[in-house]
């Protein structure tokens, strides 16, 4: 017999022998329970007969007042109905056999009403015109015992023995039944876990050969496209998705966005999301498949180098492989799977654009929205967190107006470059001097442009500012301070007109739903073991993935997975140089090691969706 104490299987793989043993245990326990139930019902029948022959005789012998007899009969009927219920609670015995059965010693057989608690709930059942009748009845034996005269002690003793022999037997059987019920629930849970683990094992074993996906990843990496310009990427994804002959594919949603829908019977609807856009960064990784792409950025008309410096190429590839896996194992899950490939994440407009373009008129509204991001973590790590996992972001373009002129005559100008420099320096004091040190905020001036040549003082300077926070009230305070500083510096410089502050991008907080995150993280822990960080550190980066769920009030979960080569990470960790030697997202040197990064990402997406589609 398998130990029935509560525990979790130590291995992710559940063998058939374990499943068979648990099934046999469950059969044995059910047989034992049915035997106890038969015994319990037999005892109840005997008990009921003894109540019928003894209880009413005792009641009639004790009461000469017609009202009392009627009241005793009514109460007997009520308690007999309770006695016939199968699930007698041992903690609340039907009758208490104790010292309260001793007869009243009052020779007049009267009752001290002060000793009987008054009922606050059932006044209608009180005896009529019986001044000395009891005010409430919680235990019939106790009640009748109050009125037993000495002459009827033998009747009471006989009755007490009749019920006293059966009540302990009933309670003992009831207690054993409860113990068996607990064991049945535990065994069922362990059997369900064993079956789930076996199915999960089968699901993950169905992940296809990833060699072709490694080549596909290299293609995406060497052919990056900027936000809102992901046309070839979307075409490649759609072609690959259609090759599975399982998904209904719809394209051109919110620009270049696309979805694939796989309906597989009744059940939950799960949406898995990957982003597709790249960044205006010149790659310096030195990889043989490094990007050499330079394109015209349609947002501002400038020609820029392009690189997948944030790992979206890995996201696309992992989701395609997971989509193939889940399509191959349809017999193991039920529900609807949506795979969504989103444009324009980097500028914060892609998810919103897809929703506003009627996304949920084209596909079912999901019950759960899931996504993942490769990060500068040791490859193989999967990190999740309940609550806020990524910060909000508000991005601004600030235009400062001066008065231009010759570089040799600065006294005849209002130099916007100097003004911009003062604004940049002053903005840095917001976090250091106006935000609680126990709170989090980031104010980054990532771009400053003024003038075109060295001997002309420009008349305009522009700043691009990124503000990150994790609390709405902190965000409001930082933005208020930013506006105050810009205005004050412009006034100090004597600018001819006020600065223009334009909010160009807004990212919401990325908040993981507690119940959803705990469910998926438990599956991750079963599979990845110690490589799963259930309370990973929050990052100050931002995402727009939750818009896909929050727009319809649906829960979301977002997790991280590592992409740094083990040898590189371990050496930097030993040397205490992780910050210096490990390139982070958006760096020109950022390039996840293909394996085990890709396999981890594919397994995480497959496992998360599979867990929710059971």
Foldseek 3Di string as FASTA:
>chain_A
DDDLPFDADPALAFDPVNLVVLVVVLVVLVVVLVVLLVVLQVLLVQLLVLCVVQVLVLQVVLDPDPLSNVLSVVVSVVLSVVSNDSQQDLVQFSADQDPLLAAAPPQVQFDDQVVADADPPPQPSFGPPDPRQHRDDDHSSSRSRSRDHPVCVVSSVVSSVSNVVRRVVSSVSSVVSVVSVSSSVSSVVNSVSSVLSNLLVVLLVLQDDCPVLVVQLLVLFQDAAAFLGCQVVLVVLQVLLVVLVAWDKDAQFLRGKIKTKGAQADAFEEEEEAEGHWDQDAFDQPDPSHYPDWAQDPVVRDIGGTGRQFCSSLQSSLLSSLSSSCSVPSVLFHGMYMYIYWGDWVQACTLVSNVVSPVCVVPPQGQEYEYEGAWADEFLAKEFAAWFQEWKKWKKKKKAFKAKDWQVCCVVILAVVVLVVQLQVVLVVCCVPPDPPVFDKDKDFPDKDFDDDDTMRGGMIMTMIMMTGHDPVSVVSSVVVSQVSQQVSSVVSVGPDHMDMGTRHIFHGDGAHDVLLVLLLVLVCSPSPPSYHSHDHHYHHGTRSCCSCVVPVHGYTYMYGYFDHPVQVVVCVVVVNSVPRRDTRPDSNRDGDCPPNSSSSNSSVNSSVSSNRD
